C-alpha atoms as a PDB file:
ATOM      1  CA  LEU A   1     158.701 114.956 192.901  1.00  0.00           C
ATOM      2  CA  GLY A   2     155.493 114.168 194.981  1.00  0.00           C
ATOM      3  CA  GLY A   3     155.007 117.802 196.405  1.00  0.00           C
ATOM      4  CA  GLU A   4     155.073 121.235 195.232  1.00  0.00           C
ATOM      5  CA  VAL A   5     157.146 124.118 196.601  1.00  0.00           C
ATOM      6  CA  ASP A   6     157.120 127.865 197.165  1.00  0.00           C
ATOM      7  CA  GLY A   7     160.428 129.493 198.100  1.00  0.00           C
ATOM      8  CA  ARG A   8     163.959 127.880 199.155  1.00  0.00           C
ATOM      9  CA  GLY A   9     162.869 127.308 202.675  1.00  0.00           C
ATOM     10  CA  GLU A  10     159.998 124.649 201.403  1.00  0.00           C
ATOM     11  CA  LEU A  11     162.676 122.852 199.175  1.00  0.00           C
ATOM     12  CA  ARG A  12     164.499 122.751 202.038  1.00  0.00           C
ATOM     13  CA  ARG A  13     161.747 121.284 204.449  1.00  0.00           C
ATOM     14  CA  ALA A  14     160.359 118.840 201.207  1.00  0.00           C
ATOM     15  CA  VAL A  15     163.534 116.901 200.941  1.00  0.00           C
ATOM     16  CA  ALA A  16     164.040 116.648 204.839  1.00  0.00           C
ATOM     17  CA  GLU A  17     160.328 115.210 204.407  1.00  0.00           C
ATOM     18  CA  HIS A  18     161.337 113.117 201.598  1.00  0.00           C
ATOM     19  CA  ALA A  19     164.651 111.649 203.518  1.00  0.00           C
ATOM     20  CA  GLU A  20     162.601 110.693 206.681  1.00  0.00           C
ATOM     21  CA  ARG A  21     160.213 108.814 204.328  1.00  0.00           C
ATOM     22  CA  GLY A  22     163.167 106.851 203.459  1.00  0.00           C
ATOM     23  CA  VAL A  23     163.466 107.637 199.677  1.00  0.00           C
ATOM     24  CA  ASP A  24     166.563 106.359 197.685  1.00  0.00           C
ATOM     25  CA  VAL A  25     166.397 109.242 194.970  1.00  0.00           C
ATOM     26  CA  VAL A  26     164.861 112.660 195.077  1.00  0.00           C
ATOM     27  CA  LYS A  27     163.789 113.534 191.843  1.00  0.00           C
ATOM     28  CA  VAL A  28     163.239 117.561 190.880  1.00  0.00           C
ATOM     29  CA  MET A  29     160.977 118.823 187.942  1.00  0.00           C
ATOM     30  CA  ALA A  30     163.683 121.050 186.783  1.00  0.00           C
ATOM     31  CA  THR A  31     161.748 121.841 183.954  1.00  0.00           C
ATOM     32  CA  GLY A  32     157.557 121.033 182.966  1.00  0.00           C
ATOM     33  CA  GLY A  33     156.383 117.854 181.031  1.00  0.00           C
ATOM     34  CA  GLU A  34     154.360 116.677 178.530  1.00  0.00           C
ATOM     35  CA  LEU A  35     151.388 115.638 180.522  1.00  0.00           C
ATOM     36  CA  THR A  36     150.252 118.313 182.311  1.00  0.00           C
ATOM     37  CA  ALA A  37     148.197 120.642 181.036  1.00  0.00           C
ATOM     38  CA  GLY A  38     149.175 124.256 181.107  1.00  0.00           C
ATOM     39  CA  THR A  39     153.143 123.940 181.719  1.00  0.00           C
ATOM     40  CA  ASP A  40     156.077 124.229 179.093  1.00  0.00           C
ATOM     41  CA  PRO A  41     158.547 121.648 178.964  1.00  0.00           C
ATOM     42  CA  GLY A  42     160.919 124.043 177.375  1.00  0.00           C
ATOM     43  CA  ALA A  43     160.982 126.888 180.601  1.00  0.00           C
ATOM     44  CA  ALA A  44     163.045 126.009 183.511  1.00  0.00           C
ATOM     45  CA  GLN A  45     160.780 125.720 186.512  1.00  0.00           C
ATOM     46  CA  PHE A  46     163.679 126.841 189.067  1.00  0.00           C
ATOM     47  CA  ASP A  47     166.597 128.766 189.002  1.00  0.00           C
ATOM     48  CA  VAL A  48     170.201 127.848 189.537  1.00  0.00           C
ATOM     49  CA  GLY A  49     170.643 128.859 193.049  1.00  0.00           C
ATOM     50  CA  SER A  50     166.850 126.815 194.086  1.00  0.00           C
ATOM     51  CA  LEU A  51     168.498 123.762 192.557  1.00  0.00           C
ATOM     52  CA  ARG A  52     171.956 124.303 194.404  1.00  0.00           C
ATOM     53  CA  LEU A  53     169.973 124.107 197.322  1.00  0.00           C
ATOM     54  CA  LEU A  54     167.882 121.099 196.699  1.00  0.00           C
ATOM     55  CA  VAL A  55     170.932 119.675 195.662  1.00  0.00           C
ATOM     56  CA  ALA A  56     173.051 120.352 198.467  1.00  0.00           C
ATOM     57  CA  GLU A  57     170.059 119.130 200.918  1.00  0.00           C
ATOM     58  CA  ALA A  58     169.490 115.803 199.201  1.00  0.00           C
ATOM     59  CA  HIS A  59     173.519 115.233 199.465  1.00  0.00           C
ATOM     60  CA  ARG A  60     173.906 116.065 202.858  1.00  0.00           C
ATOM     61  CA  HIS A  61     171.266 113.430 203.243  1.00  0.00           C
ATOM     62  CA  GLY A  62     173.189 111.143 201.545  1.00  0.00           C
ATOM     63  CA  LEU A  63     170.323 111.275 198.335  1.00  0.00           C
ATOM     64  CA  PRO A  64     171.488 111.284 194.660  1.00  0.00           C
ATOM     65  CA  VAL A  65     169.048 114.060 192.492  1.00  0.00           C
ATOM     66  CA  ALA A  66     167.391 112.893 188.980  1.00  0.00           C
ATOM     67  CA  ALA A  67     166.294 116.222 187.578  1.00  0.00           C
ATOM     68  CA  HIS A  68     163.369 115.895 185.098  1.00  0.00           C
ATOM     69  CA  ALA A  69     164.510 118.175 182.511  1.00  0.00           C
ATOM     70  CA  HIS A  70     163.536 118.921 178.637  1.00  0.00           C
ATOM     71  CA  GLY A  71     164.198 122.405 177.457  1.00  0.00           C
ATOM     72  CA  ALA A  72     167.929 123.708 177.659  1.00  0.00           C
ATOM     73  CA  SER A  73     167.773 126.498 180.286  1.00  0.00           C
ATOM     74  CA  GLY A  74     166.130 123.387 182.573  1.00  0.00           C
ATOM     75  CA  ILE A  75     168.990 121.202 181.414  1.00  0.00           C
ATOM     76  CA  ALA A  76     171.639 123.968 181.851  1.00  0.00           C
ATOM     77  CA  ASN A  77     170.287 124.922 185.521  1.00  0.00           C
ATOM     78  CA  ALA A  78     170.194 121.124 186.721  1.00  0.00           C
ATOM     79  CA  VAL A  79     174.051 120.514 185.285  1.00  0.00           C
ATOM     80  CA  ALA A  80     174.884 123.769 187.093  1.00  0.00           C
ATOM     81  CA  ALA A  81     173.136 122.674 190.514  1.00  0.00           C
ATOM     82  CA  GLY A  82     175.367 119.432 190.670  1.00  0.00           C
ATOM     83  CA  VAL A  83     172.731 116.942 190.008  1.00  0.00           C
ATOM     84  CA  ASP A  84     173.386 113.758 189.470  1.00  0.00           C
ATOM     85  CA  THR A  85     171.376 112.524 186.218  1.00  0.00           C
ATOM     86  CA  VAL A  86     168.991 114.256 183.935  1.00  0.00           C
ATOM     87  CA  GLU A  87     166.239 112.594 182.702  1.00  0.00           C
ATOM     88  CA  HIS A  88     165.194 113.081 179.355  1.00  0.00           C
ATOM     89  CA  CYS A  89     167.433 115.451 178.217  1.00  0.00           C
ATOM     90  CA  SER A  90     165.777 116.001 175.263  1.00  0.00           C
ATOM     91  CA  PHE A  91     166.126 120.146 174.012  1.00  0.00           C
ATOM     92  CA  LEU A  92     161.991 120.329 173.629  1.00  0.00           C
ATOM     93  CA  THR A  93     160.745 124.051 173.112  1.00  0.00           C
ATOM     94  CA  GLY A  94     157.552 125.336 171.678  1.00  0.00           C
ATOM     95  CA  ARG A  95     158.940 124.672 167.983  1.00  0.00           C
ATOM     96  CA  GLY A  96     160.012 120.878 168.689  1.00  0.00           C
ATOM     97  CA  VAL A  97     163.667 120.027 169.514  1.00  0.00           C
ATOM     98  CA  GLU A  98     166.102 122.423 169.183  1.00  0.00           C
ATOM     99  CA  PRO A  99     169.595 121.047 170.968  1.00  0.00           C
ATOM    100  CA  ASP A 100     172.002 124.276 172.345  1.00  0.00           C
ATOM    101  CA  GLU A 101     175.673 122.588 171.913  1.00  0.00           C
ATOM    102  CA  ASP A 102     177.194 124.436 174.526  1.00  0.00           C
ATOM    103  CA  VAL A 103     174.677 123.137 177.176  1.00  0.00           C
ATOM    104  CA  ILE A 104     175.793 119.590 175.217  1.00  0.00           C
ATOM    105  CA  ALA A 105     179.287 120.202 175.847  1.00  0.00           C
ATOM    106  CA  ALA A 106     178.757 121.599 179.568  1.00  0.00           C
ATOM    107  CA  VAL A 107     176.668 118.061 180.073  1.00  0.00           C
ATOM    108  CA  ALA A 108     179.671 116.267 178.839  1.00  0.00           C
ATOM    109  CA  ALA A 109     182.133 117.989 180.926  1.00  0.00           C
ATOM    110  CA  SER A 110     180.273 117.857 184.170  1.00  0.00           C
ATOM    111  CA  GLY A 111     180.137 114.036 184.472  1.00  0.00           C
ATOM    112  CA  VAL A 112     176.081 114.422 184.872  1.00  0.00           C
ATOM    113  CA  VAL A 113     175.243 111.260 183.895  1.00  0.00           C
ATOM    114  CA  VAL A 114     171.948 111.617 181.262  1.00  0.00           C
ATOM    115  CA  SER A 115     169.341 109.181 181.608  1.00  0.00           C
ATOM    116  CA  LEU A 116     168.110 108.655 177.700  1.00  0.00           C
ATOM    117  CA  THR A 117     164.280 107.525 177.935  1.00  0.00           C
ATOM    118  CA  LEU A 118     164.133 106.163 174.672  1.00  0.00           C
ATOM    119  CA  GLY A 119     162.290 103.632 172.624  1.00  0.00           C
ATOM    120  CA  LEU A 120     159.073 102.812 171.237  1.00  0.00           C
ATOM    121  CA  VAL A 121     156.950  99.951 170.144  1.00  0.00           C
ATOM    122  CA  PRO A 122     156.675  99.929 166.451  1.00  0.00           C
ATOM    123  CA  GLY A 123     152.766  99.941 165.002  1.00  0.00           C
ATOM    124  CA  VAL A 124     152.104 101.713 167.977  1.00  0.00           C
ATOM    125  CA  PRO A 125     150.704 105.793 167.469  1.00  0.00           C
ATOM    126  CA  VAL A 126     152.634 108.365 169.246  1.00  0.00           C
ATOM    127  CA  PRO A 127     151.178 111.868 169.757  1.00  0.00           C
ATOM    128  CA  PRO A 128     152.039 114.140 167.113  1.00  0.00           C
ATOM    129  CA  ARG A 129     154.250 116.385 169.210  1.00  0.00           C
ATOM    130  CA  ILE A 130     156.261 112.951 169.482  1.00  0.00           C
ATOM    131  CA  ALA A 131     155.616 111.947 166.055  1.00  0.00           C
ATOM    132  CA  GLU A 132     156.635 114.892 164.014  1.00  0.00           C
ATOM    133  CA  ASN A 133     160.028 115.376 166.404  1.00  0.00           C
ATOM    134  CA  MET A 134     161.368 111.767 165.747  1.00  0.00           C
ATOM    135  CA  LEU A 135     163.957 112.656 163.476  1.00  0.00           C
ATOM    136  CA  ARG A 136     165.276 115.896 165.307  1.00  0.00           C
ATOM    137  CA  LEU A 137     165.389 113.234 168.596  1.00  0.00           C
ATOM    138  CA  ALA A 138     167.481 110.666 166.161  1.00  0.00           C
ATOM    139  CA  ALA A 139     169.903 114.005 165.666  1.00  0.00           C
ATOM    140  CA  LEU A 140     170.028 115.065 169.377  1.00  0.00           C
ATOM    141  CA  LEU A 141     170.766 111.629 170.498  1.00  0.00           C
ATOM    142  CA  ARG A 142     173.835 111.312 167.857  1.00  0.00           C
ATOM    143  CA  LEU A 143     175.225 115.060 169.360  1.00  0.00           C
ATOM    144  CA  ILE A 144     174.674 113.351 172.907  1.00  0.00           C
ATOM    145  CA  VAL A 145     176.727 110.222 172.307  1.00  0.00           C
ATOM    146  CA  GLY A 146     179.390 112.343 170.149  1.00  0.00           C
ATOM    147  CA  SER A 147     180.325 114.867 172.931  1.00  0.00           C
ATOM    148  CA  GLY A 148     181.172 112.131 175.263  1.00  0.00           C
ATOM    149  CA  ALA A 149     178.816 112.615 177.818  1.00  0.00           C
ATOM    150  CA  ALA A 150     178.031 109.453 180.400  1.00  0.00           C
ATOM    151  CA  PHE A 151     174.632 107.981 179.627  1.00  0.00           C
ATOM    152  CA  VAL A 152     172.343 105.486 180.443  1.00  0.00           C
ATOM    153  CA  LEU A 153     168.631 104.204 179.325  1.00  0.00           C
ATOM    154  CA  GLY A 154     165.756 104.653 180.577  1.00  0.00           C
ATOM    155  CA  SER A 155     162.617 103.381 179.350  1.00  0.00           C
ATOM    156  CA  ASP A 156     160.126 106.328 180.578  1.00  0.00           C
ATOM    157  CA  ALA A 157     157.870 103.133 180.371  1.00  0.00           C
ATOM    158  CA  GLY A 158     154.071 103.667 181.317  1.00  0.00           C
ATOM    159  CA  ILE A 159     153.750 106.938 180.332  1.00  0.00           C
ATOM    160  CA  GLY A 160     151.354 105.704 177.415  1.00  0.00           C
ATOM    161  CA  PRO A 161     150.594 102.929 174.826  1.00  0.00           C
ATOM    162  CA  PRO A 162     153.748 103.195 172.894  1.00  0.00           C
ATOM    163  CA  LYS A 163     155.983 102.505 175.713  1.00  0.00           C
ATOM    164  CA  PRO A 164     154.810  99.501 177.495  1.00  0.00           C
ATOM    165  CA  HIS A 165     157.006  97.948 180.685  1.00  0.00           C
ATOM    166  CA  ASP A 166     158.480  95.792 178.270  1.00  0.00           C
ATOM    167  CA  MET A 167     159.738  98.029 175.749  1.00  0.00           C
ATOM    168  CA  LEU A 168     163.247  98.689 176.746  1.00  0.00           C
ATOM    169  CA  PRO A 169     165.110  96.067 174.036  1.00  0.00           C
ATOM    170  CA  TYR A 170     163.691  98.884 171.252  1.00  0.00           C
ATOM    171  CA  ALA A 171     165.428 101.614 173.169  1.00  0.00           C
ATOM    172  CA  VAL A 172     168.442  99.925 173.099  1.00  0.00           C
ATOM    173  CA  GLU A 173     168.547  99.531 169.296  1.00  0.00           C
ATOM    174  CA  LEU A 174     167.662 103.126 168.786  1.00  0.00           C
ATOM    175  CA  LEU A 175     170.919 103.740 171.017  1.00  0.00           C
ATOM    176  CA  ALA A 176     172.916 100.900 169.178  1.00  0.00           C
ATOM    177  CA  ASP A 177     172.395 102.996 166.288  1.00  0.00           C
ATOM    178  CA  ALA A 178     173.893 106.045 167.343  1.00  0.00           C
ATOM    179  CA  ALA A 179     176.273 104.618 170.003  1.00  0.00           C
ATOM    180  CA  GLY A 180     177.564 101.021 168.810  1.00  0.00           C
ATOM    181  CA  SER A 181     176.138  98.023 170.947  1.00  0.00           C
ATOM    182  CA  VAL A 182     178.534  97.180 173.415  1.00  0.00           C
ATOM    183  CA  PRO A 183     177.983 101.102 174.545  1.00  0.00           C
ATOM    184  CA  ALA A 184     174.487 100.593 174.539  1.00  0.00           C
ATOM    185  CA  LEU A 185     174.130  97.056 176.112  1.00  0.00           C
ATOM    186  CA  ALA A 186     176.677  98.971 178.725  1.00  0.00           C
ATOM    187  CA  ALA A 187     173.532 101.538 179.378  1.00  0.00           C
ATOM    188  CA  VAL A 188     171.510  99.063 180.580  1.00  0.00           C
ATOM    189  CA  THR A 189     173.811  97.263 182.562  1.00  0.00           C
ATOM    190  CA  SER A 190     177.008  98.114 184.173  1.00  0.00           C
ATOM    191  CA  PHE A 191     176.788 101.521 183.596  1.00  0.00           C
ATOM    192  CA  ALA A 192     172.511 101.784 184.688  1.00  0.00           C
ATOM    193  CA  ALA A 193     173.911 100.369 188.121  1.00  0.00           C
ATOM    194  CA  ARG A 194     176.728 102.519 188.252  1.00  0.00           C
ATOM    195  CA  ALA A 195     174.506 105.940 188.187  1.00  0.00           C
ATOM    196  CA  CYS A 196     172.278 103.963 190.166  1.00  0.00           C
ATOM    197  CA  GLY A 197     174.283 103.223 193.208  1.00  0.00           C
ATOM    198  CA  VAL A 198     174.800  99.539 193.269  1.00  0.00           C
ATOM    199  CA  GLY A 199     177.242  99.099 190.746  1.00  0.00           C
ATOM    200  CA  ASP A 200     179.452  97.367 193.073  1.00  0.00           C
ATOM    201  CA  SER A 201     177.005  93.942 193.391  1.00  0.00           C
ATOM    202  CA  VAL A 202     174.998  93.944 189.932  1.00  0.00           C
ATOM    203  CA  GLY A 203     175.269  95.099 186.308  1.00  0.00           C
ATOM    204  CA  ARG A 204     178.222  93.083 185.407  1.00  0.00           C
ATOM    205  CA  LEU A 205     178.927  89.036 185.565  1.00  0.00           C
ATOM    206  CA  ALA A 206     181.838  88.890 187.817  1.00  0.00           C
ATOM    207  CA  PRO A 207     182.831  87.370 190.701  1.00  0.00           C
ATOM    208  CA  GLY A 208     181.143  88.151 194.324  1.00  0.00           C
ATOM    209  CA  TYR A 209     178.064  90.056 191.815  1.00  0.00           C
ATOM    210  CA  ASP A 210     174.845  89.120 192.253  1.00  0.00           C
ATOM    211  CA  ALA A 211     173.833  86.392 189.659  1.00  0.00           C
ATOM    212  CA  ASP A 212     171.415  88.613 187.685  1.00  0.00           C
ATOM    213  CA  LEU A 213     171.431  87.242 184.282  1.00  0.00           C
ATOM    214  CA  LEU A 214     169.284  87.215 180.732  1.00  0.00           C
ATOM    215  CA  ALA A 215     169.705  84.226 178.533  1.00  0.00           C
ATOM    216  CA  VAL A 216     169.201  85.561 174.864  1.00  0.00           C
ATOM    217  CA  ARG A 217     169.129  83.394 171.730  1.00  0.00           C
ATOM    218  CA  GLY A 218     171.985  84.594 169.554  1.00  0.00           C
ATOM    219  CA  ASP A 219     174.857  87.095 170.091  1.00  0.00           C
ATOM    220  CA  PRO A 220     173.236  91.060 171.548  1.00  0.00           C
ATOM    221  CA  VAL A 221     176.909  92.005 170.617  1.00  0.00           C
ATOM    222  CA  ALA A 222     176.592  91.492 167.114  1.00  0.00           C
ATOM    223  CA  ASP A 223     172.696  92.329 166.576  1.00  0.00           C
ATOM    224  CA  VAL A 224     171.428  93.572 169.578  1.00  0.00           C
ATOM    225  CA  ARG A 225     167.632  92.508 168.640  1.00  0.00           C
ATOM    226  CA  ALA A 226     168.515  89.224 170.145  1.00  0.00           C
ATOM    227  CA  LEU A 227     167.425  91.146 173.319  1.00  0.00           C
ATOM    228  CA  HIS A 228     163.979  89.914 172.153  1.00  0.00           C
ATOM    229  CA  ASP A 229     164.498  86.337 171.732  1.00  0.00           C
ATOM    230  CA  VAL A 230     164.828  85.692 175.624  1.00  0.00           C
ATOM    231  CA  VAL A 231     165.365  81.781 176.777  1.00  0.00           C
ATOM    232  CA  ALA A 232     165.427  82.704 180.719  1.00  0.00           C
ATOM    233  CA  VAL A 233     165.920  85.331 183.299  1.00  0.00           C
ATOM    234  CA  TYR A 234     167.613  84.855 186.525  1.00  0.00           C
ATOM    235  CA  ARG A 235     167.518  87.108 189.581  1.00  0.00           C
ATOM    236  CA  ALA A 236     170.292  86.047 192.223  1.00  0.00           C
ATOM    237  CA  GLY A 237     170.606  82.971 190.774  1.00  0.00           C
ATOM    238  CA  VAL A 238     166.962  82.142 190.941  1.00  0.00           C
ATOM    239  CA  LEU A 239     164.948  81.222 187.783  1.00  0.00           C
ATOM    240  CA  VAL A 240     162.369  83.649 187.485  1.00  0.00           C
ATOM    241  CA  THR A 241     160.989  83.110 183.786  1.00  0.00           C
ATOM    242  CA  PRO A 242     160.326  79.496 182.148  1.00  0.00           C
ATOM    243  CA  SER A 243     163.164  78.386 180.139  1.00  0.00           C
ATOM    244  CA  PRO A 244     163.199  74.689 178.645  1.00  0.00           C
ATOM    245  CA  ALA A 245     166.256  74.042 180.256  1.00  0.00           C
ATOM    246  CA  ARG A 246     165.766  74.800 184.326  1.00  0.00           C
ATOM    247  CA  GLN A 247     169.379  74.442 185.322  1.00  0.00           C
ATOM    248  CA  SER A 248     170.214  76.700 188.382  1.00  0.00           C
ATOM    249  CA  VAL A 249     173.117  78.876 189.157  1.00  0.00           C
ATOM    250  CA  ARG A 250     174.127  79.991 192.205  1.00  0.00           C
ATOM    251  CA  GLY A 251     173.312  82.867 193.566  1.00  0.00           C
ATOM    252  CA  ARG A 252     176.602  84.695 193.651  1.00  0.00           C
ATOM    253  CA  TYR A 253     179.949  83.793 191.618  1.00  0.00           C
END
């Protein structure tokens, strides 16, 4: 992400340039998106061979590959190429959301992590194309969860007014409806940490892990809406949000 390429030679050079600049991940637009005029989110932008080359080059540099993919062909190509995560996985076409169960099964069998970009702030208008597909997106979510595919939650925050940077709890609510509260909570903690390659230090409450703590009023396992009622946030044991009880904890424990 952050450049254009034409041909496999340019793909190879683009990965090398990104690696030289010190990136932590290579993201590729396996399909078009929703923000660039004239692009087709349902159409693949790279063939399997090109994506395989990109993945091989990124992995040679020790970098994971995230593939932005809406349409089924782009999702299938990304999975066949061996990417590490598929962002969105929405199965969008010009006619709306059209899940391909064979592709979903391939995603599940591959172990590729699906980064679900769920959640909207209630009451904020959404683009008509999204609004008319909400029921289909909910049905797709149930298919992905039911397939056994690995998943995490990404918010897509900042993409528009319905997705500000504090909307992630709404995404957890949607996922909890389809997968249950514990998998939904893991999708923003331990599962997410593992997918990002930092699962050995964050994402869990365990000895030796960073003391990154979110304290809420209530039991989020019983009701994930408790995530909206934050009491305190600690980063490596240091309080970063106001709290009535300013208690410090060890940075690691």
